[in-house]
Amino acid sequence: MVSEKRAQILTIAKRRFERFGFSKTTVDEIAKDANISKRTLYQEFENKEKILEELLMFEALSVRKAILNQINRIIDPAEKLETFIRLALKYLDQNPFIVGVLHDESGFFRPFLKDKPHIIETGIEEIFVSILKEGVDKGVFRKVDVRIVGHCIFLLFKSLTYGRNSPDHSFELNQTKEFVDFIINGVILKQGREGAKHEPKN
C-alpha cells in the first residue's frame, strides 16, 4: 500500500507531467508543488524516472480496483463486459498523459519502465478473460477458448486506444458504441442473456 506522502508526490507529479510533459518537469518543481523539501522527496524516490514508474503502477492498480468494484456488482456477463470496456475507455480518454506513456511510440520510456506496461496490459487482458469465462459458464456467451478470444479482444481494445498511430485523439462516443456492439455481438448467445439478467443475487 502506498503511503500518504508517496501518494501525494505521485498526484502532484502526475499533474506536472500532464501539464508540462515528463522531460520538462524537474524534481525541484515536484517537491515545490508538494510543499516538501527536495531531500524529503529523494527519501521517497530515487529519481524522476522512479516517480513515473510507480505512478504508472499506482494509477493502474487504483483504476483496476475502482472498475472491478463497479463491474463485480453486475450479474449479466454481457453487461459486465460492456461496462468494463466503457469505463476503461473513459479512463484513457480522461488521462492523455498515461495514454502517451503506454503508447511510447519513440521508445523513450521503455528503458526505465521495463516490463511495467506489459504487467498492466496483462491485467487488462485477464479481466477480459475472466468475464468471458463467466459468460461461457453461465451460458450467456458462446463456447470459445476464453484465453484466445480474451487476447484478441484486448489487442483490438489496445489498437483502438493507446496503440493507435495517433493516440492523442479521444475515442468518440459513436466509436465506443460500435466497438462495444462488435465485441458483444461476437461472443453472446442471444437466448442465454435473459436468464442471466434475472439470476438472483447472492
N, C-alpha and C. Protein backbone atom coordinates (compact mmCIF):
# COMPACT_ATOMS: atom_id res chain seq x y z
N MET A 1 0.84 -1.20 0.00
CA MET A 1 0.00 0.00 0.00
C MET A 1 0.88 1.25 0.00
N VAL A 2 0.54 2.23 -0.83
CA VAL A 2 1.33 3.45 -0.95
C VAL A 2 1.04 4.36 0.24
N SER A 3 2.11 4.90 0.85
CA SER A 3 1.94 5.79 1.99
C SER A 3 1.29 7.10 1.53
N GLU A 4 0.75 7.84 2.49
CA GLU A 4 0.08 9.10 2.17
C GLU A 4 1.05 10.08 1.52
N LYS A 5 2.29 10.11 2.01
CA LYS A 5 3.28 11.03 1.46
C LYS A 5 3.63 10.67 0.02
N ARG A 6 3.83 9.38 -0.24
CA ARG A 6 4.17 8.94 -1.60
C ARG A 6 3.00 9.18 -2.54
N ALA A 7 1.78 8.94 -2.06
CA ALA A 7 0.60 9.17 -2.88
C ALA A 7 0.48 10.65 -3.24
N GLN A 8 0.81 11.53 -2.29
CA GLN A 8 0.77 12.96 -2.54
C GLN A 8 1.78 13.35 -3.62
N ILE A 9 2.97 12.81 -3.52
CA ILE A 9 4.01 13.10 -4.51
C ILE A 9 3.59 12.60 -5.89
N LEU A 10 3.01 11.42 -5.94
CA LEU A 10 2.57 10.85 -7.22
C LEU A 10 1.47 11.71 -7.85
N THR A 11 0.54 12.17 -7.02
CA THR A 11 -0.56 13.01 -7.52
C THR A 11 -0.03 14.32 -8.08
N ILE A 12 0.88 14.95 -7.34
CA ILE A 12 1.48 16.21 -7.79
C ILE A 12 2.28 16.00 -9.07
N ALA A 13 3.06 14.92 -9.09
CA ALA A 13 3.88 14.62 -10.27
C ALA A 13 3.02 14.40 -11.50
N LYS A 14 1.90 13.70 -11.33
CA LYS A 14 1.02 13.45 -12.46
C LYS A 14 0.50 14.77 -13.05
N ARG A 15 0.11 15.69 -12.18
CA ARG A 15 -0.37 16.99 -12.66
C ARG A 15 0.72 17.72 -13.45
N ARG A 16 1.93 17.67 -12.93
CA ARG A 16 3.06 18.31 -13.60
C ARG A 16 3.33 17.66 -14.96
N PHE A 17 3.37 16.34 -14.96
CA PHE A 17 3.65 15.61 -16.20
C PHE A 17 2.58 15.91 -17.25
N GLU A 18 1.32 15.95 -16.81
CA GLU A 18 0.21 16.20 -17.74
C GLU A 18 0.30 17.61 -18.33
N ARG A 19 0.69 18.56 -17.50
CA ARG A 19 0.70 19.96 -17.94
C ARG A 19 1.94 20.33 -18.74
N PHE A 20 3.10 19.86 -18.28
CA PHE A 20 4.36 20.30 -18.90
C PHE A 20 5.12 19.18 -19.63
N GLY A 21 4.67 17.94 -19.45
CA GLY A 21 5.39 16.83 -20.05
C GLY A 21 6.44 16.28 -19.10
N PHE A 22 6.83 15.05 -19.31
CA PHE A 22 7.79 14.40 -18.42
C PHE A 22 9.17 15.04 -18.50
N SER A 23 9.64 15.28 -19.71
CA SER A 23 11.00 15.80 -19.90
C SER A 23 11.20 17.18 -19.30
N LYS A 24 10.17 18.02 -19.37
CA LYS A 24 10.30 19.41 -18.91
C LYS A 24 10.00 19.57 -17.42
N THR A 25 9.58 18.51 -16.78
CA THR A 25 9.30 18.56 -15.34
C THR A 25 10.55 18.18 -14.56
N THR A 26 10.84 18.94 -13.51
CA THR A 26 12.01 18.65 -12.68
C THR A 26 11.58 18.16 -11.30
N VAL A 27 12.50 17.49 -10.64
CA VAL A 27 12.26 17.03 -9.27
C VAL A 27 12.03 18.23 -8.35
N ASP A 28 12.78 19.30 -8.57
CA ASP A 28 12.62 20.52 -7.77
C ASP A 28 11.18 21.05 -7.84
N GLU A 29 10.62 21.05 -9.05
CA GLU A 29 9.25 21.56 -9.23
C GLU A 29 8.23 20.66 -8.54
N ILE A 30 8.43 19.36 -8.63
CA ILE A 30 7.51 18.43 -7.96
C ILE A 30 7.56 18.64 -6.45
N ALA A 31 8.77 18.76 -5.91
CA ALA A 31 8.94 18.98 -4.47
C ALA A 31 8.28 20.29 -4.04
N LYS A 32 8.48 21.33 -4.83
CA LYS A 32 7.90 22.64 -4.50
C LYS A 32 6.37 22.57 -4.50
N ASP A 33 5.80 21.96 -5.52
CA ASP A 33 4.34 21.84 -5.60
C ASP A 33 3.77 21.00 -4.46
N ALA A 34 4.56 20.02 -4.00
CA ALA A 34 4.11 19.14 -2.92
C ALA A 34 4.40 19.73 -1.53
N ASN A 35 5.01 20.91 -1.51
CA ASN A 35 5.37 21.59 -0.25
C ASN A 35 6.27 20.74 0.63
N ILE A 36 7.24 20.09 -0.01
CA ILE A 36 8.23 19.32 0.73
C ILE A 36 9.61 19.69 0.20
N SER A 37 10.63 19.36 0.96
CA SER A 37 11.99 19.64 0.51
C SER A 37 12.42 18.62 -0.54
N LYS A 38 13.40 19.01 -1.32
CA LYS A 38 13.93 18.09 -2.33
C LYS A 38 14.52 16.85 -1.64
N ARG A 39 15.12 17.07 -0.49
CA ARG A 39 15.71 15.96 0.27
C ARG A 39 14.64 14.96 0.69
N THR A 40 13.49 15.48 1.14
CA THR A 40 12.39 14.60 1.55
C THR A 40 11.89 13.78 0.36
N LEU A 41 11.80 14.44 -0.79
CA LEU A 41 11.34 13.72 -1.98
C LEU A 41 12.30 12.60 -2.34
N TYR A 42 13.60 12.89 -2.25
CA TYR A 42 14.60 11.87 -2.60
C TYR A 42 14.64 10.72 -1.59
N GLN A 43 14.11 10.96 -0.40
CA GLN A 43 13.99 9.88 0.58
C GLN A 43 12.91 8.88 0.15
N GLU A 44 11.97 9.36 -0.64
CA GLU A 44 10.87 8.52 -1.12
C GLU A 44 11.17 7.92 -2.50
N PHE A 45 11.78 8.73 -3.36
CA PHE A 45 12.03 8.29 -4.74
C PHE A 45 13.47 8.60 -5.14
N GLU A 46 14.09 7.66 -5.79
CA GLU A 46 15.48 7.81 -6.21
C GLU A 46 15.66 8.90 -7.26
N ASN A 47 14.70 9.01 -8.18
CA ASN A 47 14.78 10.00 -9.25
C ASN A 47 13.40 10.17 -9.89
N LYS A 48 13.35 11.03 -10.90
CA LYS A 48 12.08 11.32 -11.58
C LYS A 48 11.54 10.09 -12.30
N GLU A 49 12.44 9.29 -12.83
CA GLU A 49 12.03 8.08 -13.54
C GLU A 49 11.33 7.09 -12.61
N LYS A 50 11.83 7.00 -11.38
CA LYS A 50 11.20 6.11 -10.40
C LYS A 50 9.81 6.62 -10.01
N ILE A 51 9.66 7.94 -10.01
CA ILE A 51 8.33 8.51 -9.73
C ILE A 51 7.35 8.08 -10.81
N LEU A 52 7.76 8.20 -12.07
CA LEU A 52 6.88 7.81 -13.17
C LEU A 52 6.58 6.32 -13.13
N GLU A 53 7.59 5.53 -12.84
CA GLU A 53 7.41 4.07 -12.77
C GLU A 53 6.34 3.70 -11.75
N GLU A 54 6.45 4.30 -10.55
CA GLU A 54 5.46 3.98 -9.51
C GLU A 54 4.12 4.62 -9.83
N LEU A 55 4.14 5.80 -10.44
CA LEU A 55 2.89 6.47 -10.81
C LEU A 55 2.07 5.60 -11.75
N LEU A 56 2.74 5.02 -12.73
CA LEU A 56 2.04 4.19 -13.72
C LEU A 56 1.37 2.99 -13.04
N MET A 57 2.09 2.33 -12.13
CA MET A 57 1.52 1.18 -11.44
C MET A 57 0.44 1.60 -10.44
N PHE A 58 0.66 2.73 -9.78
CA PHE A 58 -0.33 3.26 -8.83
C PHE A 58 -1.64 3.56 -9.54
N GLU A 59 -1.54 4.21 -10.70
CA GLU A 59 -2.73 4.52 -11.49
C GLU A 59 -3.43 3.24 -11.94
N ALA A 60 -2.65 2.30 -12.44
CA ALA A 60 -3.21 1.05 -12.95
C ALA A 60 -3.96 0.28 -11.87
N LEU A 61 -3.35 0.17 -10.69
CA LEU A 61 -3.97 -0.58 -9.60
C LEU A 61 -5.20 0.15 -9.06
N SER A 62 -5.12 1.48 -8.97
CA SER A 62 -6.26 2.26 -8.47
C SER A 62 -7.46 2.15 -9.40
N VAL A 63 -7.19 2.29 -10.70
CA VAL A 63 -8.27 2.22 -11.69
C VAL A 63 -8.84 0.81 -11.75
N ARG A 64 -7.96 -0.18 -11.71
CA ARG A 64 -8.41 -1.58 -11.73
C ARG A 64 -9.36 -1.85 -10.57
N LYS A 65 -8.97 -1.40 -9.37
CA LYS A 65 -9.79 -1.62 -8.18
C LYS A 65 -11.14 -0.93 -8.32
N ALA A 66 -11.13 0.32 -8.79
CA ALA A 66 -12.37 1.09 -8.93
C ALA A 66 -13.31 0.45 -9.96
N ILE A 67 -12.74 0.01 -11.08
CA ILE A 67 -13.57 -0.60 -12.13
C ILE A 67 -14.12 -1.95 -11.66
N LEU A 68 -13.28 -2.76 -11.03
CA LEU A 68 -13.74 -4.07 -10.55
C LEU A 68 -14.84 -3.92 -9.50
N ASN A 69 -14.72 -2.90 -8.66
CA ASN A 69 -15.76 -2.65 -7.65
C ASN A 69 -17.11 -2.39 -8.31
N GLN A 70 -17.08 -1.76 -9.48
CA GLN A 70 -18.34 -1.47 -10.18
C GLN A 70 -18.86 -2.68 -10.95
N ILE A 71 -17.99 -3.33 -11.70
CA ILE A 71 -18.49 -4.41 -12.56
C ILE A 71 -18.80 -5.68 -11.78
N ASN A 72 -18.19 -5.88 -10.61
CA ASN A 72 -18.47 -7.09 -9.84
C ASN A 72 -19.87 -7.11 -9.25
N ARG A 73 -20.54 -5.95 -9.27
CA ARG A 73 -21.93 -5.90 -8.80
C ARG A 73 -22.91 -6.32 -9.88
N ILE A 74 -22.42 -6.43 -11.10
CA ILE A 74 -23.28 -6.73 -12.25
C ILE A 74 -23.38 -8.24 -12.44
N ILE A 75 -24.61 -8.73 -12.58
CA ILE A 75 -24.84 -10.17 -12.72
C ILE A 75 -24.64 -10.63 -14.16
N ASP A 76 -25.20 -9.89 -15.10
CA ASP A 76 -25.16 -10.28 -16.51
C ASP A 76 -23.75 -10.10 -17.08
N PRO A 77 -23.08 -11.17 -17.52
CA PRO A 77 -21.72 -11.06 -18.06
C PRO A 77 -21.61 -10.13 -19.26
N ALA A 78 -22.65 -10.09 -20.10
CA ALA A 78 -22.61 -9.20 -21.27
C ALA A 78 -22.61 -7.74 -20.83
N GLU A 79 -23.44 -7.43 -19.85
CA GLU A 79 -23.46 -6.07 -19.31
C GLU A 79 -22.14 -5.75 -18.60
N LYS A 80 -21.61 -6.76 -17.93
CA LYS A 80 -20.33 -6.58 -17.23
C LYS A 80 -19.21 -6.28 -18.23
N LEU A 81 -19.18 -7.01 -19.33
CA LEU A 81 -18.16 -6.80 -20.36
C LEU A 81 -18.30 -5.41 -20.98
N GLU A 82 -19.53 -5.05 -21.28
CA GLU A 82 -19.80 -3.73 -21.86
C GLU A 82 -19.39 -2.61 -20.91
N THR A 83 -19.72 -2.76 -19.63
CA THR A 83 -19.38 -1.73 -18.64
C THR A 83 -17.88 -1.61 -18.46
N PHE A 84 -17.19 -2.74 -18.44
CA PHE A 84 -15.73 -2.71 -18.30
C PHE A 84 -15.09 -1.95 -19.46
N ILE A 85 -15.53 -2.24 -20.67
CA ILE A 85 -14.97 -1.57 -21.84
C ILE A 85 -15.22 -0.07 -21.77
N ARG A 86 -16.45 0.31 -21.43
CA ARG A 86 -16.79 1.74 -21.37
C ARG A 86 -16.00 2.47 -20.29
N LEU A 87 -15.86 1.86 -19.12
CA LEU A 87 -15.12 2.50 -18.03
C LEU A 87 -13.64 2.62 -18.36
N ALA A 88 -13.08 1.59 -18.97
CA ALA A 88 -11.66 1.62 -19.35
C ALA A 88 -11.42 2.69 -20.41
N LEU A 89 -12.31 2.77 -21.39
CA LEU A 89 -12.19 3.79 -22.43
C LEU A 89 -12.32 5.20 -21.84
N LYS A 90 -13.23 5.35 -20.89
CA LYS A 90 -13.44 6.65 -20.25
C LYS A 90 -12.18 7.08 -19.51
N TYR A 91 -11.56 6.14 -18.78
CA TYR A 91 -10.34 6.48 -18.05
C TYR A 91 -9.23 6.92 -19.01
N LEU A 92 -9.03 6.17 -20.08
CA LEU A 92 -7.97 6.50 -21.04
C LEU A 92 -8.25 7.85 -21.70
N ASP A 93 -9.52 8.11 -21.98
CA ASP A 93 -9.89 9.38 -22.61
C ASP A 93 -9.59 10.56 -21.69
N GLN A 94 -9.71 10.35 -20.38
CA GLN A 94 -9.50 11.43 -19.40
C GLN A 94 -8.05 11.54 -18.94
N ASN A 95 -7.20 10.62 -19.37
CA ASN A 95 -5.81 10.62 -18.92
C ASN A 95 -4.85 10.49 -20.10
N PRO A 96 -4.76 11.55 -20.91
CA PRO A 96 -3.91 11.50 -22.11
C PRO A 96 -2.44 11.28 -21.82
N PHE A 97 -1.96 11.74 -20.66
CA PHE A 97 -0.54 11.53 -20.36
C PHE A 97 -0.25 10.04 -20.19
N ILE A 98 -1.12 9.33 -19.47
CA ILE A 98 -0.95 7.89 -19.27
C ILE A 98 -1.02 7.17 -20.61
N VAL A 99 -1.93 7.62 -21.48
CA VAL A 99 -2.04 7.05 -22.82
C VAL A 99 -0.73 7.22 -23.57
N GLY A 100 -0.14 8.41 -23.46
CA GLY A 100 1.12 8.68 -24.14
C GLY A 100 2.24 7.80 -23.64
N VAL A 101 2.27 7.55 -22.32
CA VAL A 101 3.31 6.69 -21.74
C VAL A 101 3.14 5.26 -22.24
N LEU A 102 1.91 4.77 -22.26
CA LEU A 102 1.65 3.40 -22.71
C LEU A 102 1.94 3.26 -24.21
N HIS A 103 1.61 4.30 -24.96
CA HIS A 103 1.84 4.27 -26.41
C HIS A 103 3.34 4.26 -26.71
N ASP A 104 4.05 5.20 -26.12
CA ASP A 104 5.52 5.27 -26.17
C ASP A 104 6.08 4.94 -27.55
N GLU A 105 5.61 5.67 -28.54
CA GLU A 105 6.00 5.40 -29.93
C GLU A 105 7.51 5.51 -30.14
N SER A 106 8.14 6.46 -29.47
CA SER A 106 9.58 6.68 -29.65
C SER A 106 10.44 5.73 -28.83
N GLY A 107 9.81 5.03 -27.87
CA GLY A 107 10.57 4.14 -27.00
C GLY A 107 11.30 4.87 -25.89
N PHE A 108 10.94 6.13 -25.66
CA PHE A 108 11.62 6.96 -24.66
C PHE A 108 11.50 6.38 -23.25
N PHE A 109 10.29 5.88 -22.91
CA PHE A 109 10.04 5.41 -21.55
C PHE A 109 10.49 3.97 -21.31
N ARG A 110 10.73 3.24 -22.38
CA ARG A 110 10.99 1.80 -22.27
C ARG A 110 12.17 1.43 -21.37
N PRO A 111 13.30 2.16 -21.43
CA PRO A 111 14.47 1.75 -20.64
C PRO A 111 14.23 1.72 -19.13
N PHE A 112 13.42 2.64 -18.60
CA PHE A 112 13.23 2.64 -17.16
C PHE A 112 11.88 2.10 -16.70
N LEU A 113 10.91 2.03 -17.60
CA LEU A 113 9.64 1.40 -17.22
C LEU A 113 9.71 -0.12 -17.36
N LYS A 114 10.60 -0.57 -18.25
CA LYS A 114 10.86 -2.00 -18.45
C LYS A 114 9.57 -2.78 -18.69
N ASP A 115 9.22 -3.71 -17.78
CA ASP A 115 8.06 -4.58 -18.03
C ASP A 115 6.76 -4.04 -17.45
N LYS A 116 6.77 -2.82 -16.90
CA LYS A 116 5.56 -2.29 -16.25
C LYS A 116 4.38 -2.19 -17.20
N PRO A 117 4.54 -1.64 -18.43
CA PRO A 117 3.39 -1.61 -19.34
C PRO A 117 2.85 -3.00 -19.65
N HIS A 118 3.74 -3.98 -19.78
CA HIS A 118 3.30 -5.36 -20.05
C HIS A 118 2.48 -5.91 -18.89
N ILE A 119 2.89 -5.60 -17.66
CA ILE A 119 2.15 -6.04 -16.48
C ILE A 119 0.74 -5.45 -16.49
N ILE A 120 0.65 -4.17 -16.84
CA ILE A 120 -0.65 -3.50 -16.91
C ILE A 120 -1.53 -4.14 -17.99
N GLU A 121 -0.93 -4.38 -19.14
CA GLU A 121 -1.68 -4.99 -20.25
C GLU A 121 -2.16 -6.39 -19.89
N THR A 122 -1.33 -7.15 -19.21
CA THR A 122 -1.73 -8.49 -18.77
C THR A 122 -2.92 -8.41 -17.83
N GLY A 123 -2.92 -7.41 -16.95
CA GLY A 123 -4.04 -7.22 -16.03
C GLY A 123 -5.34 -6.92 -16.76
N ILE A 124 -5.27 -6.08 -17.79
CA ILE A 124 -6.45 -5.75 -18.58
C ILE A 124 -6.97 -6.99 -19.29
N GLU A 125 -6.05 -7.72 -19.90
CA GLU A 125 -6.44 -8.94 -20.63
C GLU A 125 -7.07 -9.97 -19.70
N GLU A 126 -6.54 -10.09 -18.48
CA GLU A 126 -7.08 -11.06 -17.53
C GLU A 126 -8.52 -10.74 -17.15
N ILE A 127 -8.87 -9.46 -17.10
CA ILE A 127 -10.25 -9.09 -16.80
C ILE A 127 -11.16 -9.52 -17.95
N PHE A 128 -10.72 -9.29 -19.18
CA PHE A 128 -11.49 -9.76 -20.34
C PHE A 128 -11.70 -11.27 -20.26
N VAL A 129 -10.64 -12.00 -19.97
CA VAL A 129 -10.71 -13.46 -19.91
C VAL A 129 -11.67 -13.91 -18.81
N SER A 130 -11.59 -13.26 -17.65
CA SER A 130 -12.44 -13.62 -16.52
C SER A 130 -13.92 -13.42 -16.84
N ILE A 131 -14.24 -12.29 -17.48
CA ILE A 131 -15.64 -12.02 -17.83
C ILE A 131 -16.12 -13.01 -18.89
N LEU A 132 -15.27 -13.30 -19.86
CA LEU A 132 -15.64 -14.28 -20.89
C LEU A 132 -15.92 -15.65 -20.28
N LYS A 133 -15.06 -16.07 -19.36
CA LYS A 133 -15.24 -17.37 -18.71
C LYS A 133 -16.57 -17.42 -17.95
N GLU A 134 -16.87 -16.33 -17.24
CA GLU A 134 -18.14 -16.27 -16.51
C GLU A 134 -19.31 -16.38 -17.47
N GLY A 135 -19.21 -15.67 -18.61
CA GLY A 135 -20.29 -15.70 -19.59
C GLY A 135 -20.48 -17.07 -20.21
N VAL A 136 -19.37 -17.76 -20.49
CA VAL A 136 -19.45 -19.11 -21.05
C VAL A 136 -20.05 -20.06 -20.02
N ASP A 137 -19.59 -19.97 -18.78
CA ASP A 137 -20.08 -20.85 -17.72
C ASP A 137 -21.58 -20.66 -17.47
N LYS A 138 -22.06 -19.43 -17.65
CA LYS A 138 -23.48 -19.15 -17.41
C LYS A 138 -24.34 -19.39 -18.65
N GLY A 139 -23.70 -19.75 -19.75
CA GLY A 139 -24.45 -19.99 -20.98
C GLY A 139 -24.89 -18.73 -21.68
N VAL A 140 -24.27 -17.61 -21.33
CA VAL A 140 -24.60 -16.33 -21.97
C VAL A 140 -23.74 -16.11 -23.20
N PHE A 141 -22.48 -16.53 -23.13
CA PHE A 141 -21.56 -16.41 -24.26
C PHE A 141 -21.39 -17.75 -24.95
N ARG A 142 -21.05 -17.68 -26.21
CA ARG A 142 -20.75 -18.89 -26.97
C ARG A 142 -19.57 -19.63 -26.35
N LYS A 143 -19.50 -20.93 -26.56
CA LYS A 143 -18.38 -21.71 -26.05
C LYS A 143 -17.15 -21.42 -26.92
N VAL A 144 -16.21 -20.72 -26.32
CA VAL A 144 -15.00 -20.33 -27.03
C VAL A 144 -13.80 -20.59 -26.13
N ASP A 145 -12.63 -20.55 -26.72
CA ASP A 145 -11.40 -20.58 -25.93
C ASP A 145 -11.23 -19.18 -25.35
N VAL A 146 -11.55 -19.02 -24.07
CA VAL A 146 -11.60 -17.69 -23.47
C VAL A 146 -10.23 -17.00 -23.48
N ARG A 147 -9.16 -17.78 -23.42
CA ARG A 147 -7.82 -17.19 -23.46
C ARG A 147 -7.54 -16.55 -24.82
N ILE A 148 -7.86 -17.29 -25.87
CA ILE A 148 -7.60 -16.78 -27.22
C ILE A 148 -8.51 -15.59 -27.52
N VAL A 149 -9.80 -15.73 -27.23
CA VAL A 149 -10.74 -14.66 -27.52
C VAL A 149 -10.45 -13.43 -26.65
N GLY A 150 -10.11 -13.68 -25.38
CA GLY A 150 -9.76 -12.57 -24.49
C GLY A 150 -8.55 -11.81 -24.99
N HIS A 151 -7.57 -12.54 -25.50
CA HIS A 151 -6.37 -11.91 -26.05
C HIS A 151 -6.72 -11.09 -27.29
N CYS A 152 -7.58 -11.63 -28.14
CA CYS A 152 -7.99 -10.91 -29.36
C CYS A 152 -8.76 -9.64 -29.02
N ILE A 153 -9.66 -9.72 -28.03
CA ILE A 153 -10.41 -8.53 -27.62
C ILE A 153 -9.46 -7.48 -27.06
N PHE A 154 -8.49 -7.93 -26.26
CA PHE A 154 -7.53 -6.97 -25.71
C PHE A 154 -6.74 -6.29 -26.82
N LEU A 155 -6.27 -7.06 -27.80
CA LEU A 155 -5.49 -6.47 -28.89
C LEU A 155 -6.32 -5.45 -29.67
N LEU A 156 -7.60 -5.75 -29.86
CA LEU A 156 -8.48 -4.80 -30.55
C LEU A 156 -8.67 -3.55 -29.69
N PHE A 157 -8.89 -3.76 -28.39
CA PHE A 157 -9.03 -2.65 -27.45
C PHE A 157 -7.78 -1.76 -27.49
N LYS A 158 -6.63 -2.38 -27.44
CA LYS A 158 -5.36 -1.63 -27.47
C LYS A 158 -5.20 -0.87 -28.78
N SER A 159 -5.51 -1.52 -29.88
CA SER A 159 -5.32 -0.89 -31.19
C SER A 159 -6.22 0.32 -31.39
N LEU A 160 -7.34 0.34 -30.68
CA LEU A 160 -8.28 1.45 -30.82
C LEU A 160 -8.07 2.54 -29.77
N THR A 161 -7.16 2.31 -28.84
CA THR A 161 -6.92 3.30 -27.78
C THR A 161 -5.46 3.77 -27.82
N TYR A 162 -4.65 3.33 -26.88
CA TYR A 162 -3.28 3.83 -26.81
C TYR A 162 -2.34 3.19 -27.83
N GLY A 163 -2.81 2.16 -28.54
CA GLY A 163 -1.97 1.53 -29.55
C GLY A 163 -2.11 2.14 -30.92
N ARG A 164 -2.96 3.14 -31.05
CA ARG A 164 -3.17 3.77 -32.35
C ARG A 164 -1.98 4.62 -32.75
N ASN A 165 -1.88 4.92 -34.04
CA ASN A 165 -0.79 5.77 -34.53
C ASN A 165 -0.91 7.19 -33.98
N SER A 166 -2.14 7.63 -33.71
CA SER A 166 -2.36 8.97 -33.16
C SER A 166 -3.23 8.85 -31.91
N PRO A 167 -2.67 8.41 -30.78
CA PRO A 167 -3.47 8.19 -29.58
C PRO A 167 -3.89 9.47 -28.88
N ASP A 168 -3.49 10.63 -29.42
CA ASP A 168 -3.84 11.89 -28.78
C ASP A 168 -5.28 12.30 -29.08
N HIS A 169 -5.96 11.58 -29.97
CA HIS A 169 -7.35 11.89 -30.28
C HIS A 169 -8.26 10.97 -29.48
N SER A 170 -9.24 11.54 -28.79
CA SER A 170 -10.12 10.75 -27.93
C SER A 170 -11.02 9.84 -28.76
N PHE A 171 -11.45 8.78 -28.12
CA PHE A 171 -12.35 7.82 -28.74
C PHE A 171 -13.75 8.40 -28.71
N GLU A 172 -14.34 8.63 -29.88
CA GLU A 172 -15.66 9.26 -29.95
C GLU A 172 -16.74 8.32 -29.41
N LEU A 173 -17.86 8.93 -28.96
CA LEU A 173 -18.96 8.16 -28.37
C LEU A 173 -19.50 7.12 -29.34
N ASN A 174 -19.67 7.50 -30.61
CA ASN A 174 -20.21 6.55 -31.58
C ASN A 174 -19.22 5.42 -31.85
N GLN A 175 -17.91 5.72 -31.77
CA GLN A 175 -16.90 4.68 -31.95
C GLN A 175 -16.94 3.69 -30.79
N THR A 176 -17.14 4.22 -29.58
CA THR A 176 -17.25 3.35 -28.41
C THR A 176 -18.42 2.39 -28.57
N LYS A 177 -19.56 2.92 -29.02
CA LYS A 177 -20.76 2.09 -29.21
C LYS A 177 -20.51 1.01 -30.26
N GLU A 178 -19.87 1.39 -31.36
CA GLU A 178 -19.58 0.41 -32.41
C GLU A 178 -18.66 -0.69 -31.90
N PHE A 179 -17.65 -0.29 -31.14
CA PHE A 179 -16.69 -1.26 -30.60
C PHE A 179 -17.38 -2.22 -29.63
N VAL A 180 -18.15 -1.66 -28.70
CA VAL A 180 -18.86 -2.48 -27.72
C VAL A 180 -19.83 -3.44 -28.41
N ASP A 181 -20.60 -2.92 -29.37
CA ASP A 181 -21.57 -3.76 -30.09
C ASP A 181 -20.86 -4.89 -30.84
N PHE A 182 -19.73 -4.57 -31.43
CA PHE A 182 -18.97 -5.57 -32.19
C PHE A 182 -18.52 -6.71 -31.29
N ILE A 183 -17.98 -6.36 -30.12
CA ILE A 183 -17.49 -7.37 -29.18
C ILE A 183 -18.64 -8.21 -28.62
N ILE A 184 -19.68 -7.53 -28.15
CA ILE A 184 -20.81 -8.24 -27.53
C ILE A 184 -21.48 -9.17 -28.53
N ASN A 185 -21.74 -8.67 -29.73
CA ASN A 185 -22.40 -9.49 -30.75
C ASN A 185 -21.53 -10.66 -31.20
N GLY A 186 -20.23 -10.53 -31.01
CA GLY A 186 -19.33 -11.60 -31.41
C GLY A 186 -19.29 -12.77 -30.44
N VAL A 187 -19.62 -12.53 -29.17
CA VAL A 187 -19.48 -13.60 -28.18
C VAL A 187 -20.79 -14.06 -27.57
N ILE A 188 -21.85 -13.28 -27.72
CA ILE A 188 -23.06 -13.57 -26.95
C ILE A 188 -23.95 -14.62 -27.62
N LEU A 189 -24.61 -15.40 -26.78
CA LEU A 189 -25.69 -16.28 -27.21
C LEU A 189 -26.98 -15.57 -26.87
N LYS A 190 -27.74 -15.16 -27.85
CA LYS A 190 -28.92 -14.33 -27.61
C LYS A 190 -29.88 -14.97 -26.61
N GLN A 191 -30.07 -16.28 -26.72
CA GLN A 191 -31.04 -16.93 -25.86
C GLN A 191 -30.56 -17.09 -24.42
N GLY A 192 -29.26 -16.90 -24.19
CA GLY A 192 -28.74 -17.11 -22.85
C GLY A 192 -28.76 -15.89 -21.97
N ARG A 193 -28.90 -14.71 -22.57
CA ARG A 193 -28.72 -13.50 -21.79
C ARG A 193 -29.88 -13.23 -20.84
N GLU A 194 -31.09 -13.51 -21.26
CA GLU A 194 -32.24 -13.18 -20.42
C GLU A 194 -32.19 -13.92 -19.09
N GLY A 195 -31.74 -15.19 -19.14
CA GLY A 195 -31.65 -15.96 -17.91
C GLY A 195 -30.66 -15.37 -16.94
N ALA A 196 -29.55 -14.87 -17.47
CA ALA A 196 -28.52 -14.29 -16.61
C ALA A 196 -28.99 -13.01 -15.97
N LYS A 197 -29.79 -12.24 -16.70
CA LYS A 197 -30.28 -10.97 -16.16
C LYS A 197 -31.13 -11.17 -14.92
N HIS A 198 -31.86 -12.28 -14.91
CA HIS A 198 -32.80 -12.49 -13.81
C HIS A 198 -32.24 -13.44 -12.75
N GLU A 199 -30.96 -13.73 -12.84
CA GLU A 199 -30.35 -14.60 -11.84
C GLU A 199 -30.38 -13.92 -10.48
N PRO A 200 -30.81 -14.59 -9.44
CA PRO A 200 -30.89 -13.95 -8.12
C PRO A 200 -29.52 -13.60 -7.58
N LYS A 201 -29.45 -12.50 -6.82
CA LYS A 201 -28.19 -12.08 -6.21
C LYS A 201 -27.91 -12.95 -4.99
N ASN A 202 -26.60 -13.12 -4.71
CA ASN A 202 -26.21 -13.90 -3.53
C ASN A 202 -26.50 -13.13 -2.26
